[in-house]
Amino acid sequence: MSTPFDFTGQHVFVSGGTSGINLGVAEAFAAAGAKVSVLSRKQDKVDAAVAKLKALGPDAQGFAGDVRDAARIEAVFAEAVASFGEIDVLISGAAGNFPAPALGISPNGFKSVVDIDLLGTFHVVKGAFPHMKKPGGSIVNISAPQAYIPMDFQMHVCAAKAGVDMITRVGALEWGSFGLRLNSVVPGPIEDTEGMARLAPTPEAAEATRQSVPLGRYGTKADIANTCMFLASPYATYISGAIIPVDGGWSLGGVAAMSATMKRAFMGG
């Protein structure tokens, strides 16, 4: 795995960094020389991710913890910094999702997504703040197009991710004086991810989604990782409070095609 970026010696912390897009981001930073810490809820996933990261660079560590537990998150950051030093880059990517019509979402189901996506993001960025490099630290929240595009079967996610982007923007306002930058990266349809498997669960839905992207292809985990590394690099030191779609232009109109395929997949309409 090659990269044009150099993060040698920097401490990069990736919340949710044991699978999917977030693991791809963690791997990219490890290949770029960073000391990488990852956080996830299950210890077995943490151990597997750390093994992969150590194959790319010797400095990798992992912690088990639930982003909904503020006290545990604070303890994890203290442990991570004790080993690898202050945090140069924080990637906050823990997320939960399940497709369901608004009338079919239970109060507990709605709360679960909000607690993981929104409350979890708050716990992570607030817990990391005392340990971030100041000035010069970079925080990147992994958001979703549901933050600003209403989607069928996604009322809970739309509400939560809209809040995540506001955490990014308010954090950029309040913490800019400390020399911290906060930005959101918004992945579009990304291949080989659990999210797309849920939102486009049939071959027909997957192909319709691909065709709805103006660039004519699914994105890759490397597309997201490269954007995160750019935002954390010296090339982006005047970018803060930005919400950046990485979607091949999909957010310009592709959501209509996904809504239609989701209706067929989940309601037979």
C-alpha atoms as a PDB file:
ATOM      1  CA  MET A   1       0.000   0.000   0.000  1.00  0.00           C
ATOM      2  CA  SER A   2       1.684   3.204  -1.185  1.00  0.00           C
ATOM      3  CA  THR A   3       0.698   6.766  -0.340  1.00  0.00           C
ATOM      4  CA  PRO A   4       1.932  10.250  -1.256  1.00  0.00           C
ATOM      5  CA  PHE A   5       1.462  11.352   2.354  1.00  0.00           C
ATOM      6  CA  ASP A   6       3.947  11.078   5.214  1.00  0.00           C
ATOM      7  CA  PHE A   7       2.665  10.815   8.780  1.00  0.00           C
ATOM      8  CA  THR A   8       5.824   9.304  10.243  1.00  0.00           C
ATOM      9  CA  GLY A   9       5.785   9.545  14.021  1.00  0.00           C
ATOM     10  CA  GLN A  10       2.322  11.083  14.245  1.00  0.00           C
ATOM     11  CA  HIS A  11      -0.351   9.535  16.438  1.00  0.00           C
ATOM     12  CA  VAL A  12      -3.566   8.824  14.539  1.00  0.00           C
ATOM     13  CA  PHE A  13      -6.576   7.587  16.498  1.00  0.00           C
ATOM     14  CA  VAL A  14      -9.423   5.922  14.557  1.00  0.00           C
ATOM     15  CA  SER A  15     -12.713   5.343  16.349  1.00  0.00           C
ATOM     16  CA  GLY A  16     -14.559   2.447  14.760  1.00  0.00           C
ATOM     17  CA  GLY A  17     -11.303   1.556  13.033  1.00  0.00           C
ATOM     18  CA  THR A  18     -11.617  -2.219  12.985  1.00  0.00           C
ATOM     19  CA  SER A  19     -13.747  -2.764   9.884  1.00  0.00           C
ATOM     20  CA  GLY A  20     -15.019  -1.278   6.652  1.00  0.00           C
ATOM     21  CA  ILE A  21     -14.166   2.273   5.649  1.00  0.00           C
ATOM     22  CA  ASN A  22     -12.619   3.091   9.010  1.00  0.00           C
ATOM     23  CA  LEU A  23     -10.207   0.161   8.919  1.00  0.00           C
ATOM     24  CA  GLY A  24      -9.229   1.232   5.403  1.00  0.00           C
ATOM     25  CA  VAL A  25      -8.451   4.698   6.768  1.00  0.00           C
ATOM     26  CA  ALA A  26      -6.421   3.246   9.631  1.00  0.00           C
ATOM     27  CA  GLU A  27      -4.451   1.035   7.229  1.00  0.00           C
ATOM     28  CA  ALA A  28      -3.654   4.007   4.990  1.00  0.00           C
ATOM     29  CA  PHE A  29      -2.285   6.034   7.896  1.00  0.00           C
ATOM     30  CA  ALA A  30      -0.248   3.034   9.103  1.00  0.00           C
ATOM     31  CA  ALA A  31       1.242   2.654   5.622  1.00  0.00           C
ATOM     32  CA  ALA A  32       2.108   6.368   5.747  1.00  0.00           C
ATOM     33  CA  GLY A  33       4.204   5.843   8.882  1.00  0.00           C
ATOM     34  CA  ALA A  34       1.751   6.835  11.598  1.00  0.00           C
ATOM     35  CA  LYS A  35       1.388   5.353  15.047  1.00  0.00           C
ATOM     36  CA  VAL A  36      -2.196   4.123  14.862  1.00  0.00           C
ATOM     37  CA  SER A  37      -4.673   3.499  17.684  1.00  0.00           C
ATOM     38  CA  VAL A  38      -8.050   1.947  16.931  1.00  0.00           C
ATOM     39  CA  LEU A  39     -11.186   1.670  19.030  1.00  0.00           C
ATOM     40  CA  SER A  40     -14.101  -0.710  18.620  1.00  0.00           C
ATOM     41  CA  ARG A  41     -16.672  -2.381  20.821  1.00  0.00           C
ATOM     42  CA  LYS A  42     -15.525  -6.004  20.471  1.00  0.00           C
ATOM     43  CA  GLN A  43     -12.087  -7.187  21.565  1.00  0.00           C
ATOM     44  CA  ASP A  44     -11.793  -9.866  18.861  1.00  0.00           C
ATOM     45  CA  LYS A  45     -12.287  -7.272  16.135  1.00  0.00           C
ATOM     46  CA  VAL A  46      -9.765  -4.997  17.814  1.00  0.00           C
ATOM     47  CA  ASP A  47      -7.171  -7.786  17.940  1.00  0.00           C
ATOM     48  CA  ALA A  48      -7.701  -8.701  14.270  1.00  0.00           C
ATOM     49  CA  ALA A  49      -7.411  -5.077  13.154  1.00  0.00           C
ATOM     50  CA  VAL A  50      -4.230  -4.474  15.151  1.00  0.00           C
ATOM     51  CA  ALA A  51      -2.657  -7.544  13.548  1.00  0.00           C
ATOM     52  CA  LYS A  52      -3.420  -6.134  10.083  1.00  0.00           C
ATOM     53  CA  LEU A  53      -2.058  -2.719  11.021  1.00  0.00           C
ATOM     54  CA  LYS A  54       1.165  -4.140  12.432  1.00  0.00           C
ATOM     55  CA  ALA A  55       1.786  -5.787   9.069  1.00  0.00           C
ATOM     56  CA  LEU A  56       1.954  -2.263   7.620  1.00  0.00           C
ATOM     57  CA  GLY A  57       3.814  -0.540  10.438  1.00  0.00           C
ATOM     58  CA  PRO A  58       5.109  -1.622  13.846  1.00  0.00           C
ATOM     59  CA  ASP A  59       3.269   0.981  15.906  1.00  0.00           C
ATOM     60  CA  ALA A  60      -0.352  -0.071  16.273  1.00  0.00           C
ATOM     61  CA  GLN A  61      -2.538  -0.593  19.305  1.00  0.00           C
ATOM     62  CA  GLY A  62      -6.223  -1.182  19.915  1.00  0.00           C
ATOM     63  CA  PHE A  63      -8.819  -0.718  22.614  1.00  0.00           C
ATOM     64  CA  ALA A  64     -12.230  -2.204  23.251  1.00  0.00           C
ATOM     65  CA  GLY A  65     -14.890   0.294  24.246  1.00  0.00           C
ATOM     66  CA  ASP A  66     -18.404   1.460  23.450  1.00  0.00           C
ATOM     67  CA  VAL A  67     -18.641   5.022  22.149  1.00  0.00           C
ATOM     68  CA  ARG A  68     -21.889   5.382  24.083  1.00  0.00           C
ATOM     69  CA  ASP A  69     -19.908   5.079  27.347  1.00  0.00           C
ATOM     70  CA  ALA A  70     -18.265   8.462  27.936  1.00  0.00           C
ATOM     71  CA  ALA A  71     -16.224   7.310  30.936  1.00  0.00           C
ATOM     72  CA  ARG A  72     -14.777   4.363  29.005  1.00  0.00           C
ATOM     73  CA  ILE A  73     -13.888   6.596  26.050  1.00  0.00           C
ATOM     74  CA  GLU A  74     -12.061   9.037  28.328  1.00  0.00           C
ATOM     75  CA  ALA A  75     -10.098   6.141  29.832  1.00  0.00           C
ATOM     76  CA  VAL A  76      -9.195   4.788  26.383  1.00  0.00           C
ATOM     77  CA  PHE A  77      -7.762   8.124  25.274  1.00  0.00           C
ATOM     78  CA  ALA A  78      -5.657   8.331  28.422  1.00  0.00           C
ATOM     79  CA  GLU A  79      -4.281   4.834  27.769  1.00  0.00           C
ATOM     80  CA  ALA A  80      -3.614   5.513  24.101  1.00  0.00           C
ATOM     81  CA  VAL A  81      -1.739   8.748  24.780  1.00  0.00           C
ATOM     82  CA  ALA A  82       0.335   7.131  27.517  1.00  0.00           C
ATOM     83  CA  SER A  83       1.733   4.767  24.873  1.00  0.00           C
ATOM     84  CA  PHE A  84       1.885   6.838  21.669  1.00  0.00           C
ATOM     85  CA  GLY A  85       1.849  10.465  22.833  1.00  0.00           C
ATOM     86  CA  GLU A  86      -0.566  13.277  22.070  1.00  0.00           C
ATOM     87  CA  ILE A  87      -3.011  12.773  19.210  1.00  0.00           C
ATOM     88  CA  ASP A  88      -2.226  14.500  15.933  1.00  0.00           C
ATOM     89  CA  VAL A  89      -5.201  13.146  13.978  1.00  0.00           C
ATOM     90  CA  LEU A  90      -8.560  11.869  15.192  1.00  0.00           C
ATOM     91  CA  ILE A  91     -10.895  10.007  12.843  1.00  0.00           C
ATOM     92  CA  SER A  92     -14.325   9.484  14.380  1.00  0.00           C
ATOM     93  CA  GLY A  93     -16.232   6.892  12.411  1.00  0.00           C
ATOM     94  CA  ALA A  94     -18.331   4.678  14.658  1.00  0.00           C
ATOM     95  CA  ALA A  95     -21.821   4.287  13.162  1.00  0.00           C
ATOM     96  CA  GLY A  96     -24.965   2.220  13.241  1.00  0.00           C
ATOM     97  CA  ASN A  97     -27.671   1.780  10.614  1.00  0.00           C
ATOM     98  CA  PHE A  98     -30.563  -0.419   9.564  1.00  0.00           C
ATOM     99  CA  PRO A  99     -33.091   0.335   6.826  1.00  0.00           C
ATOM    100  CA  ALA A 100     -36.635   0.772   8.093  1.00  0.00           C
ATOM    101  CA  PRO A 101     -39.650   2.932   7.238  1.00  0.00           C
ATOM    102  CA  ALA A 102     -40.250   5.707   9.762  1.00  0.00           C
ATOM    103  CA  LEU A 103     -43.425   4.037  11.052  1.00  0.00           C
ATOM    104  CA  GLY A 104     -41.511   0.793  11.513  1.00  0.00           C
ATOM    105  CA  ILE A 105     -38.717   2.193  13.697  1.00  0.00           C
ATOM    106  CA  SER A 106     -39.214   1.520  17.385  1.00  0.00           C
ATOM    107  CA  PRO A 107     -38.262   4.206  19.902  1.00  0.00           C
ATOM    108  CA  ASN A 108     -35.405   1.977  21.032  1.00  0.00           C
ATOM    109  CA  GLY A 109     -34.220   1.453  17.465  1.00  0.00           C
ATOM    110  CA  PHE A 110     -34.219   5.192  16.776  1.00  0.00           C
ATOM    111  CA  LYS A 111     -32.418   5.864  20.047  1.00  0.00           C
ATOM    112  CA  SER A 112     -29.821   3.187  19.338  1.00  0.00           C
ATOM    113  CA  VAL A 113     -28.734   4.813  16.066  1.00  0.00           C
ATOM    114  CA  VAL A 114     -28.716   8.300  17.586  1.00  0.00           C
ATOM    115  CA  ASP A 115     -26.740   7.068  20.594  1.00  0.00           C
ATOM    116  CA  ILE A 116     -24.057   5.420  18.436  1.00  0.00           C
ATOM    117  CA  ASP A 117     -23.789   7.977  15.640  1.00  0.00           C
ATOM    118  CA  LEU A 118     -24.480  11.280  17.372  1.00  0.00           C
ATOM    119  CA  LEU A 119     -23.853  10.803  21.074  1.00  0.00           C
ATOM    120  CA  GLY A 120     -20.906   8.531  20.255  1.00  0.00           C
ATOM    121  CA  THR A 121     -19.334  11.191  18.044  1.00  0.00           C
ATOM    122  CA  PHE A 122     -19.747  13.762  20.815  1.00  0.00           C
ATOM    123  CA  HIS A 123     -18.106  11.452  23.359  1.00  0.00           C
ATOM    124  CA  VAL A 124     -15.189  10.762  21.025  1.00  0.00           C
ATOM    125  CA  VAL A 125     -14.386  14.334  19.982  1.00  0.00           C
ATOM    126  CA  LYS A 126     -14.904  15.721  23.497  1.00  0.00           C
ATOM    127  CA  GLY A 127     -12.904  12.892  25.069  1.00  0.00           C
ATOM    128  CA  ALA A 128     -10.060  13.414  22.619  1.00  0.00           C
ATOM    129  CA  PHE A 129      -9.885  17.180  23.031  1.00  0.00           C
ATOM    130  CA  PRO A 130      -7.549  17.276  26.068  1.00  0.00           C
ATOM    131  CA  HIS A 131      -5.159  14.915  24.291  1.00  0.00           C
ATOM    132  CA  MET A 132      -5.070  16.560  20.847  1.00  0.00           C
ATOM    133  CA  LYS A 133      -1.993  18.369  19.578  1.00  0.00           C
ATOM    134  CA  LYS A 134      -2.642  22.109  19.886  1.00  0.00           C
ATOM    135  CA  PRO A 135      -2.130  23.853  17.550  1.00  0.00           C
ATOM    136  CA  GLY A 136      -2.057  21.593  14.534  1.00  0.00           C
ATOM    137  CA  GLY A 137      -4.453  18.798  15.454  1.00  0.00           C
ATOM    138  CA  SER A 138      -6.990  17.569  12.922  1.00  0.00           C
ATOM    139  CA  ILE A 139     -10.347  15.931  13.645  1.00  0.00           C
ATOM    140  CA  VAL A 140     -12.264  14.233  10.829  1.00  0.00           C
ATOM    141  CA  ASN A 141     -15.780  12.942  11.408  1.00  0.00           C
ATOM    142  CA  ILE A 142     -16.975  10.283   8.984  1.00  0.00           C
ATOM    143  CA  SER A 143     -20.495  11.444   8.152  1.00  0.00           C
ATOM    144  CA  ALA A 144     -23.007  10.287   5.530  1.00  0.00           C
ATOM    145  CA  PRO A 145     -25.118  11.859   2.782  1.00  0.00           C
ATOM    146  CA  GLN A 146     -28.158  11.240   4.992  1.00  0.00           C
ATOM    147  CA  ALA A 147     -26.961  14.292   6.953  1.00  0.00           C
ATOM    148  CA  TYR A 148     -28.274  16.607   4.240  1.00  0.00           C
ATOM    149  CA  ILE A 149     -30.260  14.417   1.821  1.00  0.00           C
ATOM    150  CA  PRO A 150     -33.553  12.965   3.068  1.00  0.00           C
ATOM    151  CA  MET A 151     -33.718   9.258   2.246  1.00  0.00           C
ATOM    152  CA  ASP A 152     -36.471   6.683   2.460  1.00  0.00           C
ATOM    153  CA  PHE A 153     -36.061   4.178   5.326  1.00  0.00           C
ATOM    154  CA  GLN A 154     -33.395   6.367   6.939  1.00  0.00           C
ATOM    155  CA  MET A 155     -35.173   8.853   9.226  1.00  0.00           C
ATOM    156  CA  HIS A 156     -33.087   7.787  12.244  1.00  0.00           C
ATOM    157  CA  VAL A 157     -29.797   7.988  10.345  1.00  0.00           C
ATOM    158  CA  CYS A 158     -30.679  11.299   8.705  1.00  0.00           C
ATOM    159  CA  ALA A 159     -31.391  12.817  12.114  1.00  0.00           C
ATOM    160  CA  ALA A 160     -28.215  11.445  13.679  1.00  0.00           C
ATOM    161  CA  LYS A 161     -25.834  12.324  10.853  1.00  0.00           C
ATOM    162  CA  ALA A 162     -27.217  15.861  10.554  1.00  0.00           C
ATOM    163  CA  GLY A 163     -26.208  16.228  14.178  1.00  0.00           C
ATOM    164  CA  VAL A 164     -22.738  14.837  13.457  1.00  0.00           C
ATOM    165  CA  ASP A 165     -22.137  17.514  10.843  1.00  0.00           C
ATOM    166  CA  MET A 166     -23.245  20.176  13.312  1.00  0.00           C
ATOM    167  CA  ILE A 167     -20.768  18.802  15.848  1.00  0.00           C
ATOM    168  CA  THR A 168     -18.135  19.296  13.151  1.00  0.00           C
ATOM    169  CA  ARG A 169     -19.163  22.851  12.389  1.00  0.00           C
ATOM    170  CA  VAL A 170     -19.657  24.031  15.967  1.00  0.00           C
ATOM    171  CA  GLY A 171     -16.421  22.332  16.994  1.00  0.00           C
ATOM    172  CA  ALA A 172     -14.610  24.175  14.201  1.00  0.00           C
ATOM    173  CA  LEU A 173     -16.044  27.445  15.546  1.00  0.00           C
ATOM    174  CA  GLU A 174     -15.225  26.848  19.192  1.00  0.00           C
ATOM    175  CA  TRP A 175     -11.917  25.018  18.917  1.00  0.00           C
ATOM    176  CA  GLY A 176     -10.303  26.959  16.098  1.00  0.00           C
ATOM    177  CA  SER A 177      -8.739  29.256  18.682  1.00  0.00           C
ATOM    178  CA  PHE A 178      -6.862  26.229  20.026  1.00  0.00           C
ATOM    179  CA  GLY A 179      -5.479  25.514  16.580  1.00  0.00           C
ATOM    180  CA  LEU A 180      -7.724  22.486  16.023  1.00  0.00           C
ATOM    181  CA  ARG A 181      -9.472  21.851  12.714  1.00  0.00           C
ATOM    182  CA  LEU A 182     -12.657  19.810  12.366  1.00  0.00           C
ATOM    183  CA  ASN A 183     -14.093  18.573   9.076  1.00  0.00           C
ATOM    184  CA  SER A 184     -16.607  15.968   7.932  1.00  0.00           C
ATOM    185  CA  VAL A 185     -15.966  13.485   5.140  1.00  0.00           C
ATOM    186  CA  VAL A 186     -19.145  12.171   3.513  1.00  0.00           C
ATOM    187  CA  PRO A 187     -18.697   8.845   1.707  1.00  0.00           C
ATOM    188  CA  GLY A 188     -21.033   8.083  -1.162  1.00  0.00           C
ATOM    189  CA  PRO A 189     -21.591   4.533  -2.425  1.00  0.00           C
ATOM    190  CA  ILE A 190     -18.406   2.672  -1.425  1.00  0.00           C
ATOM    191  CA  GLU A 191     -17.754  -0.872  -2.619  1.00  0.00           C
ATOM    192  CA  ASP A 192     -17.337  -3.844  -0.284  1.00  0.00           C
ATOM    193  CA  THR A 193     -18.883  -2.175   2.756  1.00  0.00           C
ATOM    194  CA  GLU A 194     -21.582  -3.322   5.155  1.00  0.00           C
ATOM    195  CA  GLY A 195     -23.450  -0.084   4.586  1.00  0.00           C
ATOM    196  CA  MET A 196     -23.899  -0.669   0.869  1.00  0.00           C
ATOM    197  CA  ALA A 197     -24.791  -4.300   1.467  1.00  0.00           C
ATOM    198  CA  ARG A 198     -27.682  -3.068   3.610  1.00  0.00           C
ATOM    199  CA  LEU A 199     -28.808  -0.172   1.425  1.00  0.00           C
ATOM    200  CA  ALA A 200     -28.450  -1.985  -1.911  1.00  0.00           C
ATOM    201  CA  PRO A 201     -29.086  -5.604  -0.889  1.00  0.00           C
ATOM    202  CA  THR A 202     -29.720  -7.132  -4.337  1.00  0.00           C
ATOM    203  CA  PRO A 203     -27.563  -7.280  -7.486  1.00  0.00           C
ATOM    204  CA  GLU A 204     -30.174  -5.158  -9.250  1.00  0.00           C
ATOM    205  CA  ALA A 205     -30.078  -2.507  -6.532  1.00  0.00           C
ATOM    206  CA  ALA A 206     -26.283  -2.504  -6.509  1.00  0.00           C
ATOM    207  CA  GLU A 207     -26.125  -2.018 -10.274  1.00  0.00           C
ATOM    208  CA  ALA A 208     -28.771   0.718 -10.218  1.00  0.00           C
ATOM    209  CA  THR A 209     -26.764   2.523  -7.559  1.00  0.00           C
ATOM    210  CA  ARG A 210     -23.576   2.247  -9.612  1.00  0.00           C
ATOM    211  CA  GLN A 211     -25.339   3.675 -12.647  1.00  0.00           C
ATOM    212  CA  SER A 212     -26.656   6.583 -10.548  1.00  0.00           C
ATOM    213  CA  VAL A 213     -23.109   7.810  -9.820  1.00  0.00           C
ATOM    214  CA  PRO A 214     -22.051  10.420 -12.425  1.00  0.00           C
ATOM    215  CA  LEU A 215     -18.521   8.975 -12.516  1.00  0.00           C
ATOM    216  CA  GLY A 216     -20.033   5.556 -13.235  1.00  0.00           C
ATOM    217  CA  ARG A 217     -18.388   3.589 -10.459  1.00  0.00           C
ATOM    218  CA  TYR A 218     -18.513   2.794  -6.792  1.00  0.00           C
ATOM    219  CA  GLY A 219     -15.977   4.534  -4.608  1.00  0.00           C
ATOM    220  CA  THR A 220     -13.234   2.674  -2.791  1.00  0.00           C
ATOM    221  CA  LYS A 221     -12.032   2.752   0.792  1.00  0.00           C
ATOM    222  CA  ALA A 222      -8.837   4.315  -0.551  1.00  0.00           C
ATOM    223  CA  ASP A 223     -10.876   7.246  -1.894  1.00  0.00           C
ATOM    224  CA  ILE A 224     -12.051   7.986   1.642  1.00  0.00           C
ATOM    225  CA  ALA A 225      -8.654   7.350   3.214  1.00  0.00           C
ATOM    226  CA  ASN A 226      -6.927   9.692   0.782  1.00  0.00           C
ATOM    227  CA  THR A 227      -9.379  12.471   1.612  1.00  0.00           C
ATOM    228  CA  CYS A 228      -8.862  11.975   5.344  1.00  0.00           C
ATOM    229  CA  MET A 229      -5.088  12.069   4.903  1.00  0.00           C
ATOM    230  CA  PHE A 230      -5.328  15.224   2.801  1.00  0.00           C
ATOM    231  CA  LEU A 231      -7.432  16.937   5.471  1.00  0.00           C
ATOM    232  CA  ALA A 232      -4.894  15.931   8.133  1.00  0.00           C
ATOM    233  CA  SER A 233      -1.901  16.980   6.041  1.00  0.00           C
ATOM    234  CA  PRO A 234      -0.028  20.301   5.746  1.00  0.00           C
ATOM    235  CA  TYR A 235      -1.883  20.862   2.443  1.00  0.00           C
ATOM    236  CA  ALA A 236      -5.165  21.491   4.292  1.00  0.00           C
ATOM    237  CA  THR A 237      -4.169  23.720   7.203  1.00  0.00           C
ATOM    238  CA  TYR A 238      -6.750  26.390   6.266  1.00  0.00           C
ATOM    239  CA  ILE A 239      -9.664  23.991   5.847  1.00  0.00           C
ATOM    240  CA  SER A 240     -11.974  23.747   8.858  1.00  0.00           C
ATOM    241  CA  GLY A 241     -15.706  23.314   9.281  1.00  0.00           C
ATOM    242  CA  ALA A 242     -16.043  21.784   5.809  1.00  0.00           C
ATOM    243  CA  ILE A 243     -18.510  19.041   4.879  1.00  0.00           C
ATOM    244  CA  ILE A 244     -16.823  17.230   1.998  1.00  0.00           C
ATOM    245  CA  PRO A 245     -18.714  14.697  -0.164  1.00  0.00           C
ATOM    246  CA  VAL A 246     -16.516  11.936  -1.590  1.00  0.00           C
ATOM    247  CA  ASP A 247     -19.112  10.346  -3.816  1.00  0.00           C
ATOM    248  CA  GLY A 248     -18.313  10.705  -7.513  1.00  0.00           C
ATOM    249  CA  GLY A 249     -21.080  13.291  -7.787  1.00  0.00           C
ATOM    250  CA  TRP A 250     -23.732  10.893  -6.480  1.00  0.00           C
ATOM    251  CA  SER A 251     -25.246  13.455  -4.096  1.00  0.00           C
ATOM    252  CA  LEU A 252     -26.164  15.635  -7.090  1.00  0.00           C
ATOM    253  CA  GLY A 253     -29.092  13.373  -7.895  1.00  0.00           C
ATOM    254  CA  GLY A 254     -28.343   9.685  -7.415  1.00  0.00           C
ATOM    255  CA  VAL A 255     -30.415   9.414  -4.263  1.00  0.00           C
ATOM    256  CA  ALA A 256     -33.602   9.162  -6.357  1.00  0.00           C
ATOM    257  CA  ALA A 257     -32.375   5.928  -7.927  1.00  0.00           C
ATOM    258  CA  MET A 258     -31.404   4.496  -4.551  1.00  0.00           C
ATOM    259  CA  SER A 259     -34.788   5.390  -3.070  1.00  0.00           C
ATOM    260  CA  ALA A 260     -36.553   3.588  -5.899  1.00  0.00           C
ATOM    261  CA  THR A 261     -34.443   0.453  -5.546  1.00  0.00           C
ATOM    262  CA  MET A 262     -34.838   0.467  -1.758  1.00  0.00           C
ATOM    263  CA  LYS A 263     -38.615   0.669  -2.096  1.00  0.00           C
ATOM    264  CA  ARG A 264     -38.569  -2.332  -4.415  1.00  0.00           C
ATOM    265  CA  ALA A 265     -36.201  -4.249  -2.150  1.00  0.00           C
ATOM    266  CA  PHE A 266     -37.941  -3.586   1.153  1.00  0.00           C
ATOM    267  CA  MET A 267     -41.562  -2.999   0.200  1.00  0.00           C
ATOM    268  CA  GLY A 268     -41.953  -4.696  -3.151  1.00  0.00           C
ATOM    269  CA  GLY A 269     -43.076  -1.431  -4.674  1.00  0.00           C
END
